[in-house]
Amino acid sequence: QVQLVESGGGLVQPGGSLRLSCVASLFTPWPMEWYRQAPGKQRELVASIGFRGSPNYADFVEGRFTMSRVNDNNTVFLQMNSLKPEDTAVYYCHQEGSNYWGQGTQVTVSP
């Protein structure tokens, strides 16, 4: 069973940046994903990345986020720039096609 542990969330002002990390307890040669869930809303896909790279992004990202992975360290990242208040949510790491989710990390964008 794979355990996923996210970190890097926090409180940031609009226009600021955060870098989220997700470390897997085991080697995961599968695509990895970042999801987010805002209060009262459904969980939504933010970005995904295959084992060899080539990330894909939701339309609302609009070039502001960059997902990457370091396979040697079983780690995926989400660099988030130009953050907006509507990016406020709990961000989750997920192994595609599995039931493996992290515990989430809170991102709050507020003046």
Protein backbone atom coordinates (compact mmCIF):
# COMPACT_ATOMS: atom_id res chain seq x y z
CA GLN A 1 0.00 0.00 0.00
CA VAL A 2 1.29 3.42 -0.97
CA GLN A 3 1.20 6.29 1.48
CA LEU A 4 1.22 9.83 0.10
CA VAL A 5 2.22 12.78 2.26
CA GLU A 6 1.66 16.34 1.07
CA SER A 7 3.30 19.46 2.43
CA GLY A 8 3.90 23.05 1.49
CA GLY A 9 0.48 24.61 1.93
CA GLY A 10 -0.11 27.79 3.85
CA LEU A 11 -1.51 31.30 3.82
CA VAL A 12 -0.39 33.57 1.00
CA GLN A 13 -1.52 36.90 -0.39
CA PRO A 14 -3.06 37.16 -3.86
CA GLY A 15 -0.32 37.11 -6.46
CA GLY A 16 1.93 35.06 -4.21
CA SER A 17 3.46 31.64 -4.72
CA LEU A 18 3.55 28.28 -2.99
CA ARG A 19 5.28 25.01 -3.77
CA LEU A 20 3.47 21.85 -2.78
CA SER A 21 5.27 18.54 -2.38
CA CYS A 22 3.98 14.99 -2.22
CA VAL A 23 6.21 12.12 -1.17
CA ALA A 24 5.19 8.52 -1.83
CA SER A 25 6.25 5.75 0.53
CA LEU A 26 6.94 3.38 -2.37
CA PHE A 27 8.21 3.67 -5.92
CA THR A 28 5.25 4.65 -8.08
CA PRO A 29 5.74 4.29 -11.85
CA TRP A 30 2.21 5.57 -12.40
CA PRO A 31 0.84 8.92 -13.39
CA MET A 32 0.36 11.19 -10.43
CA GLU A 33 -2.25 13.88 -9.94
CA TRP A 34 -2.99 16.93 -7.84
CA TYR A 35 -6.61 17.55 -6.92
CA ARG A 36 -8.17 20.28 -4.87
CA GLN A 37 -11.38 20.70 -2.93
CA ALA A 38 -12.79 24.02 -1.83
CA PRO A 39 -15.44 24.28 0.90
CA GLY A 40 -18.82 23.27 -0.43
CA LYS A 41 -17.43 22.20 -3.78
CA GLN A 42 -16.54 18.92 -5.42
CA ARG A 43 -12.97 17.74 -5.60
CA GLU A 44 -11.46 18.74 -8.96
CA LEU A 45 -8.39 17.75 -10.91
CA VAL A 46 -5.69 20.41 -11.02
CA ALA A 47 -2.83 18.70 -12.86
CA SER A 48 -1.43 15.31 -13.78
CA ILE A 49 1.93 14.01 -14.87
CA GLY A 50 3.12 10.75 -16.38
CA PHE A 51 6.11 8.79 -15.18
CA ARG A 52 8.36 10.46 -17.74
CA GLY A 53 6.90 13.94 -17.38
CA SER A 54 4.60 15.78 -19.79
CA PRO A 55 2.18 17.36 -17.33
CA ASN A 56 -1.38 18.34 -18.16
CA TYR A 57 -3.37 21.06 -16.47
CA ALA A 58 -6.95 22.06 -15.86
CA ASP A 59 -8.11 25.08 -17.84
CA PHE A 60 -8.36 27.22 -14.72
CA VAL A 61 -4.60 26.91 -14.16
CA GLU A 62 -4.03 29.31 -17.06
CA GLY A 63 -0.25 28.81 -17.07
CA ARG A 64 0.18 29.71 -13.40
CA PHE A 65 1.07 26.25 -12.03
CA THR A 66 3.82 23.81 -12.90
CA MET A 67 3.72 20.14 -11.95
CA SER A 68 6.91 18.11 -11.87
CA ARG A 69 8.24 14.88 -10.41
CA VAL A 70 11.52 13.43 -9.22
CA ASN A 71 11.18 9.69 -9.61
CA ASP A 72 14.36 8.87 -7.71
CA ASN A 73 12.80 10.48 -4.63
CA ASN A 74 9.21 9.33 -5.26
CA THR A 75 8.18 12.98 -5.11
CA VAL A 76 5.87 15.18 -7.11
CA PHE A 77 5.63 18.94 -6.88
CA LEU A 78 3.15 21.63 -7.73
CA GLN A 79 4.63 25.08 -8.11
CA MET A 80 1.82 27.60 -7.89
CA ASN A 81 2.39 31.20 -8.92
CA SER A 82 0.07 34.19 -9.29
CA LEU A 83 -2.29 32.68 -6.76
CA LYS A 84 -5.85 33.93 -6.59
CA PRO A 85 -8.40 33.80 -3.76
CA GLU A 86 -10.34 31.23 -5.76
CA ASP A 87 -7.36 28.88 -5.51
CA THR A 88 -8.13 28.49 -1.82
CA ALA A 89 -8.72 24.80 -1.17
CA VAL A 90 -7.29 21.65 0.31
CA TYR A 91 -4.87 20.19 -2.20
CA TYR A 92 -4.50 16.42 -2.47
CA CYS A 93 -1.98 14.17 -4.10
CA HIS A 94 -3.33 11.08 -5.85
CA GLN A 95 -1.92 8.13 -7.72
CA GLU A 96 -3.94 7.82 -10.90
CA GLY A 97 -6.30 4.86 -11.02
CA SER A 98 -5.85 3.98 -7.37
CA ASN A 99 -7.46 4.60 -4.02
CA TYR A 100 -4.26 6.18 -2.72
CA TRP A 101 -4.75 9.75 -1.54
CA GLY A 102 -2.72 11.98 0.70
CA GLN A 103 -4.20 13.70 3.74
CA GLY A 104 -4.25 17.03 1.95
CA THR A 105 -2.56 20.37 2.53
CA GLN A 106 -4.50 23.60 3.02
CA VAL A 107 -3.83 26.49 0.66
CA THR A 108 -5.41 29.81 1.60
CA VAL A 109 -5.07 32.86 -0.61
CA SER A 110 -6.22 35.98 1.17
CA PRO A 111 -5.12 39.62 1.57
